[in-house]
N, C-alpha and C. Protein backbone atom coordinates (compact mmCIF):
# COMPACT_ATOMS: atom_id res chain seq x y z
N MET A 1 90.54 28.84 111.95
CA MET A 1 90.93 29.94 112.78
C MET A 1 91.70 30.99 111.99
N ASN A 2 92.60 30.53 111.10
CA ASN A 2 93.38 31.46 110.29
C ASN A 2 92.51 32.26 109.33
N VAL A 3 91.45 31.64 108.84
CA VAL A 3 90.54 32.32 107.92
C VAL A 3 89.84 33.46 108.65
N ILE A 4 89.40 33.24 109.86
CA ILE A 4 88.72 34.28 110.64
C ILE A 4 89.68 35.43 110.91
N ALA A 5 90.91 35.13 111.27
CA ALA A 5 91.91 36.17 111.52
C ALA A 5 92.17 36.97 110.25
N LEU A 6 92.23 36.29 109.13
CA LEU A 6 92.47 36.97 107.85
C LEU A 6 91.31 37.90 107.50
N VAL A 7 90.08 37.43 107.69
CA VAL A 7 88.89 38.24 107.41
C VAL A 7 88.86 39.47 108.32
N VAL A 8 89.15 39.28 109.59
CA VAL A 8 89.16 40.39 110.54
C VAL A 8 90.25 41.39 110.14
N SER A 9 91.41 40.91 109.75
CA SER A 9 92.50 41.79 109.33
C SER A 9 92.13 42.60 108.10
N ILE A 10 91.52 41.94 107.13
CA ILE A 10 91.11 42.63 105.91
C ILE A 10 90.04 43.67 106.22
N ALA A 11 89.09 43.33 107.05
CA ALA A 11 88.04 44.28 107.44
C ALA A 11 88.64 45.48 108.17
N ALA A 12 89.58 45.22 109.09
CA ALA A 12 90.23 46.31 109.83
C ALA A 12 91.01 47.21 108.86
N PHE A 13 91.69 46.60 107.91
CA PHE A 13 92.44 47.37 106.92
C PHE A 13 91.50 48.23 106.08
N ALA A 14 90.38 47.67 105.64
CA ALA A 14 89.41 48.41 104.83
C ALA A 14 88.83 49.59 105.60
N VAL A 15 88.44 49.34 106.85
CA VAL A 15 87.86 50.41 107.67
C VAL A 15 88.89 51.51 107.91
N SER A 16 90.12 51.14 108.26
CA SER A 16 91.14 52.17 108.51
C SER A 16 91.50 52.90 107.23
N SER A 17 91.45 52.25 106.07
CA SER A 17 91.70 52.92 104.79
C SER A 17 90.62 53.95 104.51
N ILE A 18 89.39 53.59 104.76
CA ILE A 18 88.28 54.52 104.54
C ILE A 18 88.45 55.74 105.44
N PHE A 19 88.76 55.53 106.70
CA PHE A 19 88.96 56.64 107.62
C PHE A 19 90.16 57.50 107.21
N ALA A 20 91.21 56.88 106.73
CA ALA A 20 92.40 57.64 106.28
C ALA A 20 92.07 58.52 105.08
N ILE A 21 91.30 57.98 104.13
CA ILE A 21 90.91 58.76 102.96
C ILE A 21 90.04 59.94 103.37
N LYS A 22 89.10 59.69 104.27
CA LYS A 22 88.24 60.78 104.75
C LYS A 22 89.06 61.83 105.48
N GLN A 23 90.03 61.41 106.25
CA GLN A 23 90.89 62.34 106.98
C GLN A 23 91.71 63.19 106.01
N LEU A 24 92.23 62.57 104.96
CA LEU A 24 92.99 63.31 103.96
C LEU A 24 92.11 64.35 103.25
N ARG A 25 90.90 63.95 102.91
CA ARG A 25 89.98 64.90 102.28
C ARG A 25 89.66 66.05 103.22
N SER A 26 89.43 65.75 104.47
CA SER A 26 89.13 66.81 105.45
C SER A 26 90.30 67.77 105.59
N ALA A 27 91.50 67.23 105.62
CA ALA A 27 92.70 68.08 105.74
C ALA A 27 92.84 68.96 104.51
N ARG A 28 92.60 68.40 103.33
CA ARG A 28 92.71 69.18 102.10
C ARG A 28 91.68 70.30 102.08
N ILE A 29 90.46 69.99 102.46
CA ILE A 29 89.41 71.00 102.49
C ILE A 29 89.74 72.08 103.51
N ALA A 30 90.25 71.68 104.67
CA ALA A 30 90.62 72.66 105.69
C ALA A 30 91.72 73.59 105.19
N ASN A 31 92.73 73.04 104.52
CA ASN A 31 93.81 73.87 103.97
C ASN A 31 93.28 74.81 102.90
N ASN A 32 92.45 74.29 102.02
CA ASN A 32 91.90 75.13 100.96
C ASN A 32 90.95 76.19 101.50
N THR A 33 90.20 75.84 102.51
CA THR A 33 89.31 76.81 103.13
C THR A 33 90.12 77.94 103.75
N ALA A 34 91.25 77.61 104.34
CA ALA A 34 92.13 78.63 104.92
C ALA A 34 92.61 79.59 103.83
N VAL A 35 92.96 79.06 102.66
CA VAL A 35 93.40 79.90 101.55
C VAL A 35 92.25 80.81 101.10
N THR A 36 91.07 80.26 101.00
CA THR A 36 89.91 81.04 100.58
C THR A 36 89.62 82.15 101.58
N ILE A 37 89.63 81.80 102.83
CA ILE A 37 89.37 82.81 103.86
C ILE A 37 90.43 83.89 103.82
N GLU A 38 91.67 83.50 103.58
CA GLU A 38 92.75 84.47 103.45
C GLU A 38 92.47 85.43 102.29
N LEU A 39 92.06 84.88 101.16
CA LEU A 39 91.71 85.73 100.02
C LEU A 39 90.56 86.67 100.36
N LEU A 40 89.53 86.09 100.94
CA LEU A 40 88.34 86.89 101.24
C LEU A 40 88.58 87.89 102.36
N ALA A 41 89.29 87.48 103.38
CA ALA A 41 89.44 88.34 104.55
C ALA A 41 90.55 89.37 104.38
N ARG A 42 91.63 88.98 103.73
CA ARG A 42 92.76 89.90 103.64
C ARG A 42 92.72 90.73 102.36
N GLU A 43 92.77 90.07 101.22
CA GLU A 43 92.85 90.80 99.95
C GLU A 43 91.61 91.64 99.71
N TRP A 44 90.47 91.09 99.99
CA TRP A 44 89.19 91.73 99.72
C TRP A 44 89.04 93.05 100.47
N ARG A 45 89.72 93.17 101.60
CA ARG A 45 89.57 94.37 102.42
C ARG A 45 90.74 95.34 102.34
N THR A 46 91.73 95.03 101.53
CA THR A 46 92.87 95.94 101.43
C THR A 46 92.44 97.22 100.73
N GLU A 47 93.14 98.28 101.06
CA GLU A 47 92.84 99.57 100.44
C GLU A 47 93.05 99.48 98.92
N GLU A 48 94.10 98.77 98.51
CA GLU A 48 94.38 98.64 97.08
C GLU A 48 93.24 97.93 96.35
N PHE A 49 92.76 96.84 96.93
CA PHE A 49 91.67 96.12 96.28
C PHE A 49 90.41 96.98 96.23
N LEU A 50 90.10 97.65 97.33
CA LEU A 50 88.89 98.48 97.36
C LEU A 50 88.99 99.63 96.36
N GLU A 51 90.18 100.20 96.21
CA GLU A 51 90.37 101.25 95.19
C GLU A 51 90.17 100.67 93.79
N SER A 52 90.71 99.48 93.56
CA SER A 52 90.56 98.84 92.25
C SER A 52 89.09 98.52 91.97
N GLU A 53 88.41 98.00 92.98
CA GLU A 53 86.99 97.69 92.82
C GLU A 53 86.20 98.96 92.49
N ASP A 54 86.45 100.01 93.22
CA ASP A 54 85.75 101.27 92.98
C ASP A 54 86.04 101.79 91.57
N TYR A 55 87.29 101.72 91.17
CA TYR A 55 87.64 102.20 89.84
C TYR A 55 86.93 101.39 88.76
N VAL A 56 87.02 100.08 88.86
CA VAL A 56 86.42 99.22 87.82
C VAL A 56 84.91 99.39 87.77
N LEU A 57 84.27 99.40 88.91
CA LEU A 57 82.81 99.45 88.92
C LEU A 57 82.24 100.83 88.62
N ASN A 58 82.98 101.89 88.95
CA ASN A 58 82.40 103.23 88.84
C ASN A 58 83.06 104.16 87.84
N LYS A 59 84.27 103.87 87.39
CA LYS A 59 84.96 104.84 86.53
C LYS A 59 85.45 104.26 85.20
N LEU A 60 85.82 103.00 85.16
CA LEU A 60 86.46 102.41 83.99
C LEU A 60 85.67 102.66 82.71
N ALA A 61 84.40 102.29 82.69
CA ALA A 61 83.59 102.41 81.47
C ALA A 61 83.39 103.86 81.05
N LYS A 62 83.41 104.78 82.00
CA LYS A 62 83.25 106.21 81.68
C LYS A 62 84.53 106.78 81.05
N GLU A 63 85.66 106.20 81.41
CA GLU A 63 86.94 106.78 80.99
C GLU A 63 87.59 106.06 79.80
N TYR A 64 87.32 104.76 79.62
CA TYR A 64 88.00 103.99 78.58
C TYR A 64 87.05 103.05 77.86
N SER A 65 87.16 103.05 76.57
CA SER A 65 86.39 102.12 75.74
C SER A 65 86.99 100.72 75.87
N PRO A 66 86.15 99.70 75.79
CA PRO A 66 86.67 98.33 75.87
C PRO A 66 87.30 97.84 74.56
N ASP A 67 87.29 98.64 73.52
CA ASP A 67 87.72 98.20 72.19
C ASP A 67 89.10 97.56 72.15
N GLN A 68 90.04 98.04 72.93
CA GLN A 68 91.42 97.52 72.90
C GLN A 68 91.65 96.42 73.93
N GLY A 69 90.60 96.02 74.62
CA GLY A 69 90.74 94.99 75.64
C GLY A 69 91.45 95.54 76.87
N ILE A 70 91.91 94.65 77.70
CA ILE A 70 92.59 95.06 78.93
C ILE A 70 94.03 95.45 78.65
N SER A 71 94.68 94.75 77.74
CA SER A 71 96.08 95.07 77.45
C SER A 71 96.23 96.44 76.80
N GLY A 72 95.18 96.98 76.23
CA GLY A 72 95.23 98.30 75.60
C GLY A 72 95.00 99.45 76.57
N LEU A 73 94.75 99.14 77.82
CA LEU A 73 94.53 100.18 78.83
C LEU A 73 95.87 100.71 79.34
N PRO A 74 95.91 101.96 79.81
CA PRO A 74 97.14 102.48 80.41
C PRO A 74 97.54 101.64 81.63
N PHE A 75 98.82 101.64 81.95
CA PHE A 75 99.35 100.77 83.00
C PHE A 75 98.61 100.93 84.33
N GLU A 76 98.39 102.13 84.80
CA GLU A 76 97.73 102.34 86.10
C GLU A 76 96.31 101.78 86.09
N VAL A 77 95.62 101.94 85.00
CA VAL A 77 94.26 101.42 84.87
C VAL A 77 94.30 99.90 84.80
N ARG A 78 95.25 99.39 84.02
CA ARG A 78 95.41 97.94 83.88
C ARG A 78 95.71 97.29 85.23
N LYS A 79 96.45 97.95 86.09
CA LYS A 79 96.71 97.42 87.44
C LYS A 79 95.42 97.23 88.21
N HIS A 80 94.54 98.21 88.14
CA HIS A 80 93.25 98.10 88.84
C HIS A 80 92.43 96.94 88.28
N VAL A 81 92.34 96.88 86.96
CA VAL A 81 91.53 95.85 86.31
C VAL A 81 92.09 94.47 86.62
N THR A 82 93.41 94.32 86.51
CA THR A 82 94.02 93.01 86.73
C THR A 82 93.87 92.56 88.17
N ARG A 83 94.12 93.45 89.12
CA ARG A 83 93.98 93.09 90.54
C ARG A 83 92.55 92.60 90.80
N PHE A 84 91.59 93.34 90.30
CA PHE A 84 90.19 93.04 90.53
C PHE A 84 89.77 91.74 89.84
N ALA A 85 90.11 91.60 88.57
CA ALA A 85 89.70 90.42 87.80
C ALA A 85 90.41 89.16 88.28
N GLN A 86 91.69 89.27 88.60
CA GLN A 86 92.44 88.09 89.05
C GLN A 86 91.95 87.58 90.40
N PHE A 87 91.46 88.47 91.24
CA PHE A 87 90.88 88.04 92.51
C PHE A 87 89.73 87.07 92.26
N TYR A 88 88.80 87.47 91.38
CA TYR A 88 87.66 86.61 91.10
C TYR A 88 88.05 85.40 90.26
N SER A 89 89.06 85.55 89.43
CA SER A 89 89.55 84.41 88.67
C SER A 89 90.17 83.37 89.61
N SER A 90 90.86 83.82 90.64
CA SER A 90 91.44 82.89 91.63
C SER A 90 90.34 82.13 92.35
N LEU A 91 89.28 82.83 92.73
CA LEU A 91 88.16 82.13 93.37
C LEU A 91 87.52 81.14 92.40
N GLY A 92 87.40 81.53 91.14
CA GLY A 92 86.84 80.63 90.13
C GLY A 92 87.70 79.39 89.92
N MET A 93 89.02 79.58 89.96
CA MET A 93 89.93 78.45 89.82
C MET A 93 89.78 77.49 90.99
N MET A 94 89.68 78.05 92.19
CA MET A 94 89.50 77.21 93.37
C MET A 94 88.16 76.47 93.30
N TRP A 95 87.16 77.14 92.74
CA TRP A 95 85.84 76.52 92.58
C TRP A 95 85.93 75.32 91.64
N VAL A 96 86.53 75.52 90.47
CA VAL A 96 86.61 74.48 89.45
C VAL A 96 87.38 73.25 89.94
N PHE A 97 88.44 73.48 90.69
CA PHE A 97 89.26 72.36 91.15
C PHE A 97 88.84 71.84 92.53
N ASP A 98 87.62 72.19 92.95
CA ASP A 98 87.07 71.73 94.23
C ASP A 98 88.02 72.00 95.39
N ALA A 99 88.66 73.14 95.34
CA ALA A 99 89.60 73.51 96.39
C ALA A 99 88.96 74.43 97.42
N VAL A 100 87.65 74.54 97.37
CA VAL A 100 86.96 75.46 98.26
C VAL A 100 85.54 74.94 98.50
N ASP A 101 85.04 75.28 99.66
CA ASP A 101 83.64 74.99 99.96
C ASP A 101 82.81 75.97 99.11
N LYS A 102 82.09 75.44 98.17
CA LYS A 102 81.38 76.28 97.21
C LYS A 102 80.32 77.15 97.88
N SER A 103 79.72 76.66 98.95
CA SER A 103 78.72 77.49 99.63
C SER A 103 79.37 78.71 100.28
N LEU A 104 80.64 78.60 100.65
CA LEU A 104 81.36 79.75 101.21
C LEU A 104 81.48 80.85 100.16
N ILE A 105 81.89 80.49 98.97
CA ILE A 105 82.02 81.47 97.88
C ILE A 105 80.65 82.02 97.51
N MET A 106 79.71 81.11 97.31
CA MET A 106 78.38 81.51 96.86
C MET A 106 77.70 82.46 97.85
N SER A 107 77.87 82.19 99.12
CA SER A 107 77.16 83.00 100.11
C SER A 107 77.86 84.30 100.44
N THR A 108 79.13 84.45 100.07
CA THR A 108 79.84 85.68 100.43
C THR A 108 80.06 86.64 99.29
N VAL A 109 80.27 86.15 98.08
CA VAL A 109 80.65 87.08 97.01
C VAL A 109 79.80 87.00 95.75
N SER A 110 78.69 86.31 95.77
CA SER A 110 77.94 86.11 94.52
C SER A 110 77.52 87.44 93.89
N TYR A 111 77.00 88.35 94.67
CA TYR A 111 76.57 89.65 94.11
C TYR A 111 77.76 90.40 93.52
N ARG A 112 78.87 90.38 94.24
CA ARG A 112 80.05 91.12 93.78
C ARG A 112 80.66 90.49 92.53
N VAL A 113 80.61 89.17 92.43
CA VAL A 113 81.11 88.50 91.23
C VAL A 113 80.30 88.94 90.02
N ARG A 114 79.00 88.96 90.17
CA ARG A 114 78.14 89.37 89.05
C ARG A 114 78.41 90.82 88.65
N ALA A 115 78.53 91.70 89.63
CA ALA A 115 78.80 93.11 89.33
C ALA A 115 80.16 93.26 88.65
N ALA A 116 81.14 92.52 89.11
CA ALA A 116 82.48 92.57 88.51
C ALA A 116 82.43 92.08 87.07
N TRP A 117 81.73 90.97 86.83
CA TRP A 117 81.67 90.43 85.48
C TRP A 117 80.97 91.40 84.54
N ILE A 118 79.87 91.98 84.96
CA ILE A 118 79.13 92.92 84.13
C ILE A 118 80.03 94.09 83.73
N ALA A 119 80.80 94.60 84.69
CA ALA A 119 81.69 95.74 84.40
C ALA A 119 82.83 95.36 83.46
N LEU A 120 83.36 94.16 83.62
CA LEU A 120 84.56 93.78 82.88
C LEU A 120 84.32 92.95 81.62
N GLU A 121 83.14 92.41 81.45
CA GLU A 121 82.89 91.53 80.31
C GLU A 121 83.29 92.13 78.97
N PRO A 122 82.92 93.38 78.66
CA PRO A 122 83.31 93.91 77.35
C PRO A 122 84.83 93.98 77.16
N TYR A 123 85.56 94.27 78.22
CA TYR A 123 87.02 94.36 78.15
C TYR A 123 87.64 92.97 77.99
N ILE A 124 87.06 92.01 78.70
CA ILE A 124 87.56 90.63 78.62
C ILE A 124 87.29 90.05 77.23
N MET A 125 86.10 90.28 76.70
CA MET A 125 85.77 89.76 75.37
C MET A 125 86.67 90.39 74.30
N ALA A 126 86.95 91.68 74.43
CA ALA A 126 87.86 92.34 73.49
C ALA A 126 89.27 91.77 73.63
N GLU A 127 89.67 91.48 74.85
CA GLU A 127 91.00 90.89 75.07
C GLU A 127 91.08 89.51 74.45
N ARG A 128 90.03 88.75 74.52
CA ARG A 128 90.01 87.42 73.92
C ARG A 128 90.17 87.48 72.41
N LYS A 129 89.70 88.54 71.80
CA LYS A 129 89.83 88.69 70.34
C LYS A 129 91.27 88.97 69.93
N THR A 130 92.12 89.35 70.88
CA THR A 130 93.52 89.66 70.56
C THR A 130 94.39 88.41 70.55
N GLY A 131 93.79 87.25 70.69
CA GLY A 131 94.56 86.01 70.63
C GLY A 131 94.64 85.24 71.93
N GLN A 132 93.83 85.64 72.90
CA GLN A 132 93.79 84.92 74.17
C GLN A 132 92.36 84.42 74.41
N PRO A 133 91.96 83.39 73.70
CA PRO A 133 90.55 82.96 73.72
C PRO A 133 90.03 82.46 75.06
N VAL A 134 90.89 82.13 76.00
CA VAL A 134 90.41 81.64 77.30
C VAL A 134 90.77 82.62 78.43
N TYR A 135 91.07 83.84 78.08
CA TYR A 135 91.47 84.85 79.06
C TYR A 135 90.40 85.00 80.15
N LEU A 136 90.80 84.84 81.38
CA LEU A 136 89.94 84.95 82.57
C LEU A 136 88.72 84.02 82.52
N SER A 137 88.92 82.83 81.98
CA SER A 137 87.80 81.88 81.86
C SER A 137 87.32 81.36 83.21
N PHE A 138 88.21 81.29 84.21
CA PHE A 138 87.76 80.85 85.54
C PHE A 138 86.85 81.91 86.16
N PHE A 139 87.17 83.16 85.93
CA PHE A 139 86.32 84.26 86.39
C PHE A 139 84.95 84.16 85.72
N GLU A 140 84.94 83.94 84.41
CA GLU A 140 83.67 83.83 83.70
C GLU A 140 82.85 82.64 84.21
N HIS A 141 83.53 81.52 84.43
CA HIS A 141 82.82 80.34 84.94
C HIS A 141 82.16 80.65 86.28
N LEU A 142 82.92 81.27 87.17
CA LEU A 142 82.36 81.62 88.48
C LEU A 142 81.17 82.57 88.33
N ALA A 143 81.29 83.55 87.45
CA ALA A 143 80.18 84.48 87.22
C ALA A 143 78.95 83.76 86.70
N CYS A 144 79.15 82.79 85.80
CA CYS A 144 78.01 82.01 85.29
C CYS A 144 77.36 81.20 86.40
N VAL A 145 78.17 80.53 87.19
CA VAL A 145 77.65 79.68 88.26
C VAL A 145 76.84 80.49 89.26
N VAL A 146 77.40 81.61 89.71
CA VAL A 146 76.68 82.39 90.73
C VAL A 146 75.44 83.06 90.14
N SER A 147 75.47 83.36 88.84
CA SER A 147 74.30 83.97 88.21
C SER A 147 73.14 82.99 88.10
N GLU A 148 73.47 81.72 88.00
CA GLU A 148 72.43 80.69 87.86
C GLU A 148 71.93 80.17 89.20
N ALA A 149 72.59 80.54 90.27
CA ALA A 149 72.26 79.99 91.58
C ALA A 149 71.12 80.75 92.26
N ASP A 150 70.43 80.04 93.08
CA ASP A 150 69.39 80.63 93.92
C ASP A 150 70.03 80.97 95.26
N THR A 151 70.57 82.18 95.36
CA THR A 151 71.31 82.55 96.58
C THR A 151 70.39 82.66 97.79
N LEU A 152 69.15 83.01 97.57
CA LEU A 152 68.20 83.06 98.69
C LEU A 152 68.00 81.68 99.28
N GLN A 153 67.86 80.69 98.41
CA GLN A 153 67.73 79.30 98.87
C GLN A 153 69.00 78.85 99.58
N LEU A 154 70.15 79.24 99.06
CA LEU A 154 71.41 78.89 99.70
C LEU A 154 71.47 79.46 101.11
N GLN A 155 71.09 80.72 101.25
CA GLN A 155 71.10 81.33 102.59
C GLN A 155 70.18 80.58 103.54
N ARG A 156 69.04 80.18 103.04
CA ARG A 156 68.11 79.40 103.89
C ARG A 156 68.74 78.07 104.28
N SER A 157 69.39 77.41 103.32
CA SER A 157 70.00 76.10 103.62
C SER A 157 71.14 76.22 104.62
N LEU A 158 71.78 77.38 104.67
CA LEU A 158 72.86 77.62 105.63
C LEU A 158 72.30 78.00 107.01
N GLY A 159 71.00 78.22 107.05
CA GLY A 159 70.38 78.60 108.32
C GLY A 159 70.54 80.09 108.64
N LEU A 160 70.89 80.89 107.62
CA LEU A 160 71.03 82.33 107.85
C LEU A 160 69.65 82.93 108.07
N ARG A 161 69.55 83.76 109.05
CA ARG A 161 68.29 84.42 109.35
C ARG A 161 68.36 85.86 108.89
N ASN A 162 67.20 86.42 108.59
CA ASN A 162 67.14 87.83 108.25
C ASN A 162 65.84 88.43 108.74
N PHE A 163 65.83 89.75 108.80
CA PHE A 163 64.63 90.44 109.24
C PHE A 163 63.67 90.59 108.06
N ARG A 164 62.42 90.38 108.36
CA ARG A 164 61.40 90.69 107.37
C ARG A 164 61.15 92.19 107.45
N PRO A 165 60.56 92.76 106.41
CA PRO A 165 60.22 94.18 106.50
C PRO A 165 59.33 94.42 107.72
N PRO A 166 59.46 95.58 108.37
CA PRO A 166 58.67 95.84 109.59
C PRO A 166 57.18 95.59 109.43
N SER A 167 56.63 95.87 108.25
CA SER A 167 55.19 95.68 108.06
C SER A 167 54.79 94.21 108.09
N GLU A 168 55.77 93.30 107.91
CA GLU A 168 55.48 91.86 107.90
C GLU A 168 55.82 91.19 109.23
N ARG A 169 56.35 91.93 110.17
CA ARG A 169 56.73 91.34 111.46
C ARG A 169 55.51 91.31 112.37
N PRO A 170 55.20 90.13 112.89
CA PRO A 170 54.02 90.05 113.76
C PRO A 170 54.23 90.84 115.06
N GLY A 171 53.21 91.63 115.41
CA GLY A 171 53.24 92.36 116.67
C GLY A 171 54.19 93.53 116.70
N GLN A 172 54.73 93.92 115.56
CA GLN A 172 55.62 95.08 115.55
C GLN A 172 55.10 96.10 114.56
N ALA A 173 54.55 97.14 115.09
CA ALA A 173 54.07 98.22 114.23
C ALA A 173 55.25 99.14 113.92
N ILE A 174 55.16 99.82 112.83
CA ILE A 174 56.19 100.80 112.49
C ILE A 174 55.99 102.01 113.39
N PRO A 175 57.05 102.39 114.13
CA PRO A 175 56.89 103.54 115.03
C PRO A 175 56.65 104.82 114.24
N VAL A 176 55.74 105.62 114.76
CA VAL A 176 55.43 106.90 114.14
C VAL A 176 56.11 107.97 114.97
N LYS A 177 56.83 108.86 114.32
CA LYS A 177 57.51 109.93 115.04
C LYS A 177 56.48 110.90 115.59
N LYS A 178 56.69 111.26 116.82
CA LYS A 178 55.84 112.27 117.43
C LYS A 178 56.39 113.65 117.08
N GLU A 179 55.54 114.60 117.13
CA GLU A 179 55.98 115.98 116.93
C GLU A 179 56.94 116.32 118.06
N VAL A 180 58.05 116.89 117.71
CA VAL A 180 59.05 117.24 118.72
C VAL A 180 58.62 118.53 119.40
N PRO A 181 58.48 118.49 120.74
CA PRO A 181 57.94 119.64 121.46
C PRO A 181 58.76 120.91 121.30
N ASN A 182 60.07 120.80 121.25
CA ASN A 182 60.87 122.03 121.20
C ASN A 182 61.10 122.52 119.77
N GLY A 183 60.55 121.82 118.79
CA GLY A 183 60.64 122.27 117.41
C GLY A 183 62.04 122.18 116.82
N GLN A 184 62.92 121.51 117.47
CA GLN A 184 64.30 121.42 117.00
C GLN A 184 64.46 120.40 115.87
N GLY A 185 63.46 119.63 115.61
CA GLY A 185 63.56 118.64 114.55
C GLY A 185 64.25 117.37 115.01
N ARG A 186 64.58 117.31 116.24
CA ARG A 186 65.32 116.15 116.74
C ARG A 186 64.81 115.80 118.14
N PRO A 187 64.49 114.56 118.42
CA PRO A 187 64.01 114.19 119.75
C PRO A 187 65.09 114.42 120.80
N ARG A 188 64.63 114.78 122.01
CA ARG A 188 65.57 115.00 123.10
C ARG A 188 66.05 113.69 123.69
N ASP A 189 65.20 112.69 123.73
CA ASP A 189 65.60 111.38 124.22
C ASP A 189 64.72 110.33 123.55
N ARG A 190 64.96 109.07 123.84
CA ARG A 190 64.24 107.99 123.16
C ARG A 190 62.73 108.03 123.44
N SER A 191 62.30 108.63 124.53
CA SER A 191 60.87 108.67 124.83
C SER A 191 60.12 109.61 123.89
N ASP A 192 60.86 110.48 123.19
CA ASP A 192 60.22 111.39 122.24
C ASP A 192 59.93 110.74 120.89
N ILE A 193 60.41 109.55 120.69
CA ILE A 193 60.22 108.90 119.40
C ILE A 193 58.86 108.25 119.34
C-alpha cells in the first residue's frame, strides 16, 4: 500500500512540476511580449523616432560620409542614428535571448529592419574599425535573420489574408470610369463611376 501511495505522490509531483515550468515560461513570454509591444507601439510611433527614421533613411547618406563611423557624426545627427539603430538593436537582443515571440518581430518590422540596416551598414562597419568590433551586432543579427526569412510564408502561417490584384479576383472586373456628363472631371455620385 505504501508503495502505491509513493508512486502516486511522485507522479503528482512530476505532473505539477511540469505544469509549473510551463506556467513560468508562459509568464516570461507574456512579460517579454509586453515589452516588445511597448517598443513597437510606443517608441516606433513617437515623433522623435519617426524624425530619426526619416533622417537616417532619406538624408544621412546625402549629407555625411560613413568614413568616420557613427562617432564621427555631429551630435544632432548622431542622436538620430543612435535612436534609430538602438531601437533595432534592442529588438535583436530580445530575439537572441528568446525574450520575444519571433513571429511578432518578423511579421511587423522585417522590411524596416532591412531598410535600416542597408542605410546604416557603412556607418556601422566604419565604427567597428575604430575599435568596437561588435558594435550593434544584435541589430546586424536581426537584419540577417529577417533577410533570410520567407516573410510571405510567415504571413500565410499566421493566417494573414490579403487581397489579390483585381485582375486575379474571381467575378470582380476592374471598374471602368464612365465619361462624366458635366465634364467636371469628377463624378457627381457613386452611380457615375
